[in-house]
Amino acid sequence: MPMCLLEAMAAGKAVIATRVGAVPQLLASEQTGLLVEPGDVHGLSAAILRLLENPELRVRVGKNGRQHVARNFSVEAMAKSYLWHFKQVLANRREASQNQAALEVSIR
């Protein structure tokens, strides 16, 4: 996931990116940014012109992008996500350990 997109979105800037890697999961086209196909020079130039000529779209996309980053990628959001994942790992380990213990008892 390109950090430059997250930084631009966090600053409230409207972004344009290509549909590569994790970018489509980060940007909701027309809502939190504009997406174009890789190598689509005409699509990229059209997206740039749209943002230049449409201040309402530019402001809306920038504001939505900023809110999306704050909601999903802030320090608090990332800490909550890490904590949730750690809890899942611990729960799975606990369950696996209990299953192993039950298997050992049934074998005896």
N, C-alpha and C. Protein backbone atom coordinates (compact mmCIF):
# COMPACT_ATOMS: atom_id res chain seq x y z
N MET A 1 0.86 -1.17 0.00
CA MET A 1 0.00 0.00 0.00
C MET A 1 0.90 1.24 0.00
N PRO A 2 0.78 2.07 -0.99
CA PRO A 2 1.65 3.23 -1.09
C PRO A 2 1.44 4.23 0.04
N MET A 3 2.48 4.48 0.80
CA MET A 3 2.42 5.42 1.90
C MET A 3 2.11 6.83 1.41
N CYS A 4 2.59 7.17 0.20
CA CYS A 4 2.33 8.52 -0.31
C CYS A 4 0.84 8.77 -0.50
N LEU A 5 0.07 7.73 -0.86
CA LEU A 5 -1.38 7.91 -0.97
C LEU A 5 -2.00 8.16 0.39
N LEU A 6 -1.59 7.38 1.39
CA LEU A 6 -2.12 7.58 2.74
C LEU A 6 -1.79 8.98 3.24
N GLU A 7 -0.57 9.43 3.01
CA GLU A 7 -0.17 10.76 3.47
C GLU A 7 -0.96 11.86 2.76
N ALA A 8 -1.13 11.74 1.46
CA ALA A 8 -1.89 12.74 0.72
C ALA A 8 -3.35 12.75 1.17
N MET A 9 -3.92 11.57 1.36
CA MET A 9 -5.31 11.48 1.81
C MET A 9 -5.44 12.05 3.21
N ALA A 10 -4.48 11.76 4.10
CA ALA A 10 -4.52 12.28 5.47
C ALA A 10 -4.46 13.81 5.46
N ALA A 11 -3.82 14.38 4.44
CA ALA A 11 -3.74 15.83 4.31
C ALA A 11 -4.97 16.42 3.63
N GLY A 12 -5.94 15.56 3.28
CA GLY A 12 -7.17 16.04 2.66
C GLY A 12 -7.04 16.33 1.18
N LYS A 13 -6.01 15.80 0.55
CA LYS A 13 -5.81 16.04 -0.88
C LYS A 13 -6.53 14.97 -1.69
N ALA A 14 -7.15 15.37 -2.77
CA ALA A 14 -7.76 14.42 -3.69
C ALA A 14 -6.64 13.68 -4.39
N VAL A 15 -6.77 12.37 -4.49
CA VAL A 15 -5.72 11.56 -5.10
C VAL A 15 -6.24 10.81 -6.32
N ILE A 16 -5.31 10.55 -7.22
CA ILE A 16 -5.56 9.74 -8.40
C ILE A 16 -4.51 8.65 -8.38
N ALA A 17 -4.93 7.42 -8.56
CA ALA A 17 -3.98 6.30 -8.53
C ALA A 17 -4.42 5.23 -9.52
N THR A 18 -3.49 4.34 -9.81
CA THR A 18 -3.81 3.23 -10.71
C THR A 18 -4.24 2.01 -9.90
N ARG A 19 -4.99 1.14 -10.55
CA ARG A 19 -5.50 -0.09 -9.93
C ARG A 19 -4.39 -1.14 -9.87
N VAL A 20 -3.46 -0.97 -8.95
CA VAL A 20 -2.39 -1.94 -8.76
C VAL A 20 -2.26 -2.26 -7.27
N GLY A 21 -1.76 -3.45 -6.98
CA GLY A 21 -1.52 -3.85 -5.59
C GLY A 21 -2.75 -3.67 -4.71
N ALA A 22 -2.54 -3.06 -3.55
CA ALA A 22 -3.62 -2.86 -2.59
C ALA A 22 -4.36 -1.54 -2.79
N VAL A 23 -4.00 -0.79 -3.82
CA VAL A 23 -4.64 0.51 -4.04
C VAL A 23 -6.16 0.42 -4.15
N PRO A 24 -6.72 -0.54 -4.91
CA PRO A 24 -8.18 -0.61 -4.98
C PRO A 24 -8.86 -0.87 -3.64
N GLN A 25 -8.15 -1.49 -2.69
CA GLN A 25 -8.74 -1.68 -1.36
C GLN A 25 -8.67 -0.38 -0.55
N LEU A 26 -7.71 0.47 -0.87
CA LEU A 26 -7.56 1.74 -0.16
C LEU A 26 -8.50 2.80 -0.69
N LEU A 27 -8.63 2.88 -1.99
CA LEU A 27 -9.44 3.92 -2.62
C LEU A 27 -10.76 3.37 -3.11
N ALA A 28 -11.82 4.01 -2.72
CA ALA A 28 -13.13 3.73 -3.31
C ALA A 28 -13.30 4.75 -4.42
N SER A 29 -13.26 4.29 -5.66
CA SER A 29 -13.28 5.21 -6.80
C SER A 29 -14.49 6.13 -6.75
N GLU A 30 -14.22 7.40 -6.99
CA GLU A 30 -15.21 8.47 -6.99
C GLU A 30 -15.62 8.88 -5.57
N GLN A 31 -15.16 8.16 -4.55
CA GLN A 31 -15.52 8.50 -3.17
C GLN A 31 -14.31 8.99 -2.38
N THR A 32 -13.24 8.19 -2.34
CA THR A 32 -12.06 8.58 -1.58
C THR A 32 -10.87 8.84 -2.50
N GLY A 33 -11.08 8.80 -3.78
CA GLY A 33 -10.02 9.05 -4.76
C GLY A 33 -10.52 8.66 -6.14
N LEU A 34 -9.68 8.84 -7.12
CA LEU A 34 -10.02 8.44 -8.47
C LEU A 34 -9.06 7.34 -8.90
N LEU A 35 -9.58 6.29 -9.48
CA LEU A 35 -8.77 5.16 -9.93
C LEU A 35 -8.76 5.11 -11.45
N VAL A 36 -7.60 4.84 -12.00
CA VAL A 36 -7.46 4.64 -13.44
C VAL A 36 -6.70 3.33 -13.66
N GLU A 37 -6.83 2.80 -14.83
CA GLU A 37 -6.14 1.55 -15.16
C GLU A 37 -4.66 1.82 -15.39
N PRO A 38 -3.81 0.88 -15.01
CA PRO A 38 -2.37 1.05 -15.26
C PRO A 38 -2.11 1.26 -16.76
N GLY A 39 -1.27 2.21 -17.08
CA GLY A 39 -0.92 2.48 -18.46
C GLY A 39 -1.93 3.30 -19.25
N ASP A 40 -3.04 3.67 -18.62
CA ASP A 40 -4.09 4.42 -19.31
C ASP A 40 -3.78 5.92 -19.24
N VAL A 41 -2.98 6.38 -20.18
CA VAL A 41 -2.55 7.78 -20.19
C VAL A 41 -3.74 8.72 -20.36
N HIS A 42 -4.66 8.35 -21.24
CA HIS A 42 -5.84 9.20 -21.46
C HIS A 42 -6.73 9.22 -20.24
N GLY A 43 -6.89 8.07 -19.58
CA GLY A 43 -7.68 8.03 -18.35
C GLY A 43 -7.07 8.88 -17.25
N LEU A 44 -5.74 8.85 -17.14
CA LEU A 44 -5.06 9.66 -16.14
C LEU A 44 -5.23 11.14 -16.43
N SER A 45 -5.04 11.53 -17.68
CA SER A 45 -5.20 12.95 -18.02
C SER A 45 -6.64 13.40 -17.81
N ALA A 46 -7.60 12.53 -18.12
CA ALA A 46 -9.01 12.87 -17.90
C ALA A 46 -9.30 13.04 -16.41
N ALA A 47 -8.74 12.17 -15.57
CA ALA A 47 -8.95 12.27 -14.13
C ALA A 47 -8.34 13.56 -13.58
N ILE A 48 -7.15 13.91 -14.05
CA ILE A 48 -6.51 15.16 -13.62
C ILE A 48 -7.38 16.35 -14.00
N LEU A 49 -7.85 16.37 -15.24
CA LEU A 49 -8.70 17.47 -15.70
C LEU A 49 -10.01 17.54 -14.91
N ARG A 50 -10.58 16.38 -14.59
CA ARG A 50 -11.82 16.37 -13.79
C ARG A 50 -11.62 17.07 -12.47
N LEU A 51 -10.51 16.75 -11.79
CA LEU A 51 -10.26 17.37 -10.49
C LEU A 51 -9.94 18.86 -10.62
N LEU A 52 -9.23 19.23 -11.67
CA LEU A 52 -8.91 20.64 -11.88
C LEU A 52 -10.16 21.46 -12.19
N GLU A 53 -11.07 20.88 -12.95
CA GLU A 53 -12.26 21.60 -13.41
C GLU A 53 -13.45 21.49 -12.47
N ASN A 54 -13.37 20.61 -11.49
CA ASN A 54 -14.52 20.38 -10.61
C ASN A 54 -14.09 20.50 -9.15
N PRO A 55 -14.09 21.73 -8.61
CA PRO A 55 -13.65 21.93 -7.23
C PRO A 55 -14.51 21.18 -6.21
N GLU A 56 -15.80 21.03 -6.49
CA GLU A 56 -16.66 20.30 -5.55
C GLU A 56 -16.23 18.85 -5.43
N LEU A 57 -15.95 18.21 -6.55
CA LEU A 57 -15.47 16.83 -6.55
C LEU A 57 -14.14 16.74 -5.83
N ARG A 58 -13.24 17.66 -6.15
CA ARG A 58 -11.91 17.68 -5.54
C ARG A 58 -12.00 17.79 -4.02
N VAL A 59 -12.83 18.69 -3.53
CA VAL A 59 -12.98 18.88 -2.09
C VAL A 59 -13.64 17.67 -1.45
N ARG A 60 -14.70 17.15 -2.08
CA ARG A 60 -15.42 15.99 -1.52
C ARG A 60 -14.53 14.77 -1.43
N VAL A 61 -13.82 14.47 -2.51
CA VAL A 61 -12.93 13.31 -2.53
C VAL A 61 -11.81 13.49 -1.50
N GLY A 62 -11.26 14.69 -1.41
CA GLY A 62 -10.21 14.95 -0.43
C GLY A 62 -10.70 14.79 1.00
N LYS A 63 -11.88 15.32 1.27
CA LYS A 63 -12.46 15.21 2.62
C LYS A 63 -12.77 13.75 2.96
N ASN A 64 -13.39 13.04 2.02
CA ASN A 64 -13.71 11.63 2.26
C ASN A 64 -12.44 10.79 2.47
N GLY A 65 -11.41 11.08 1.69
CA GLY A 65 -10.15 10.37 1.84
C GLY A 65 -9.53 10.61 3.20
N ARG A 66 -9.58 11.86 3.64
CA ARG A 66 -9.04 12.19 4.97
C ARG A 66 -9.79 11.45 6.07
N GLN A 67 -11.10 11.42 5.99
CA GLN A 67 -11.90 10.70 6.98
C GLN A 67 -11.61 9.21 6.94
N HIS A 68 -11.44 8.66 5.75
CA HIS A 68 -11.15 7.23 5.60
C HIS A 68 -9.82 6.87 6.26
N VAL A 69 -8.81 7.68 6.03
CA VAL A 69 -7.50 7.43 6.63
C VAL A 69 -7.57 7.57 8.15
N ALA A 70 -8.25 8.60 8.63
CA ALA A 70 -8.37 8.80 10.07
C ALA A 70 -9.10 7.63 10.73
N ARG A 71 -10.12 7.13 10.07
CA ARG A 71 -10.93 6.04 10.61
C ARG A 71 -10.20 4.70 10.57
N ASN A 72 -9.40 4.47 9.53
CA ASN A 72 -8.82 3.15 9.32
C ASN A 72 -7.31 3.05 9.49
N PHE A 73 -6.60 4.17 9.46
CA PHE A 73 -5.14 4.11 9.46
C PHE A 73 -4.49 5.02 10.49
N SER A 74 -5.28 5.59 11.39
CA SER A 74 -4.69 6.42 12.45
C SER A 74 -3.94 5.52 13.41
N VAL A 75 -3.16 6.12 14.28
CA VAL A 75 -2.43 5.34 15.29
C VAL A 75 -3.42 4.53 16.12
N GLU A 76 -4.51 5.14 16.51
CA GLU A 76 -5.51 4.45 17.32
C GLU A 76 -6.13 3.29 16.56
N ALA A 77 -6.49 3.53 15.31
CA ALA A 77 -7.11 2.47 14.50
C ALA A 77 -6.15 1.32 14.27
N MET A 78 -4.90 1.63 13.99
CA MET A 78 -3.91 0.58 13.76
C MET A 78 -3.64 -0.20 15.04
N ALA A 79 -3.57 0.49 16.18
CA ALA A 79 -3.35 -0.20 17.45
C ALA A 79 -4.52 -1.14 17.76
N LYS A 80 -5.74 -0.70 17.52
CA LYS A 80 -6.90 -1.57 17.72
C LYS A 80 -6.84 -2.78 16.80
N SER A 81 -6.44 -2.56 15.56
CA SER A 81 -6.34 -3.67 14.61
C SER A 81 -5.29 -4.67 15.05
N TYR A 82 -4.12 -4.19 15.46
CA TYR A 82 -3.07 -5.10 15.94
C TYR A 82 -3.54 -5.88 17.15
N LEU A 83 -4.19 -5.19 18.08
CA LEU A 83 -4.68 -5.84 19.28
C LEU A 83 -5.70 -6.93 18.93
N TRP A 84 -6.61 -6.63 18.02
CA TRP A 84 -7.61 -7.62 17.60
C TRP A 84 -6.91 -8.85 17.01
N HIS A 85 -5.91 -8.61 16.14
CA HIS A 85 -5.19 -9.73 15.52
C HIS A 85 -4.43 -10.55 16.56
N PHE A 86 -3.79 -9.89 17.52
CA PHE A 86 -3.07 -10.61 18.58
C PHE A 86 -4.04 -11.48 19.38
N LYS A 87 -5.21 -10.93 19.69
CA LYS A 87 -6.21 -11.70 20.44
C LYS A 87 -6.67 -12.92 19.64
N GLN A 88 -6.82 -12.75 18.33
CA GLN A 88 -7.21 -13.88 17.48
C GLN A 88 -6.15 -14.97 17.49
N VAL A 89 -4.90 -14.57 17.41
CA VAL A 89 -3.80 -15.55 17.43
C VAL A 89 -3.80 -16.29 18.76
N LEU A 90 -3.93 -15.56 19.86
CA LEU A 90 -3.95 -16.20 21.18
C LEU A 90 -5.15 -17.14 21.32
N ALA A 91 -6.30 -16.73 20.85
CA ALA A 91 -7.49 -17.58 20.93
C ALA A 91 -7.29 -18.84 20.11
N ASN A 92 -6.72 -18.72 18.94
CA ASN A 92 -6.47 -19.89 18.09
C ASN A 92 -5.45 -20.82 18.73
N ARG A 93 -4.42 -20.26 19.35
CA ARG A 93 -3.41 -21.08 20.03
C ARG A 93 -4.04 -21.81 21.21
N ARG A 94 -4.87 -21.10 21.96
CA ARG A 94 -5.55 -21.71 23.11
C ARG A 94 -6.43 -22.87 22.66
N GLU A 95 -7.19 -22.62 21.59
CA GLU A 95 -8.08 -23.65 21.05
C GLU A 95 -7.27 -24.85 20.55
N ALA A 96 -6.19 -24.60 19.86
CA ALA A 96 -5.35 -25.70 19.36
C ALA A 96 -4.75 -26.49 20.51
N SER A 97 -4.35 -25.79 21.57
CA SER A 97 -3.78 -26.46 22.74
C SER A 97 -4.83 -27.33 23.42
N GLN A 98 -6.05 -26.82 23.53
CA GLN A 98 -7.13 -27.60 24.14
C GLN A 98 -7.46 -28.82 23.29
N ASN A 99 -7.48 -28.65 21.97
CA ASN A 99 -7.75 -29.77 21.08
C ASN A 99 -6.66 -30.83 21.19
N GLN A 100 -5.41 -30.39 21.29
CA GLN A 100 -4.30 -31.31 21.44
C GLN A 100 -4.42 -32.08 22.75
N ALA A 101 -4.77 -31.39 23.84
CA ALA A 101 -4.93 -32.04 25.14
C ALA A 101 -6.07 -33.06 25.09
N ALA A 102 -7.17 -32.71 24.44
CA ALA A 102 -8.29 -33.65 24.33
C ALA A 102 -7.91 -34.86 23.51
N LEU A 103 -7.13 -34.66 22.46
CA LEU A 103 -6.68 -35.77 21.63
C LEU A 103 -5.77 -36.71 22.44
N GLU A 104 -4.88 -36.15 23.23
CA GLU A 104 -3.98 -36.96 24.04
C GLU A 104 -4.76 -37.78 25.06
N VAL A 105 -5.79 -37.19 25.65
CA VAL A 105 -6.62 -37.92 26.64
C VAL A 105 -7.37 -39.05 25.95
N SER A 106 -7.90 -38.79 24.75
CA SER A 106 -8.69 -39.82 24.07
C SER A 106 -7.81 -40.97 23.57
N ILE A 107 -6.55 -40.70 23.31
CA ILE A 107 -5.62 -41.73 22.86
C ILE A 107 -5.28 -42.69 24.01
N ARG A 108 -5.19 -42.15 25.20
CA ARG A 108 -4.83 -42.98 26.37
C ARG A 108 -5.94 -43.90 26.64
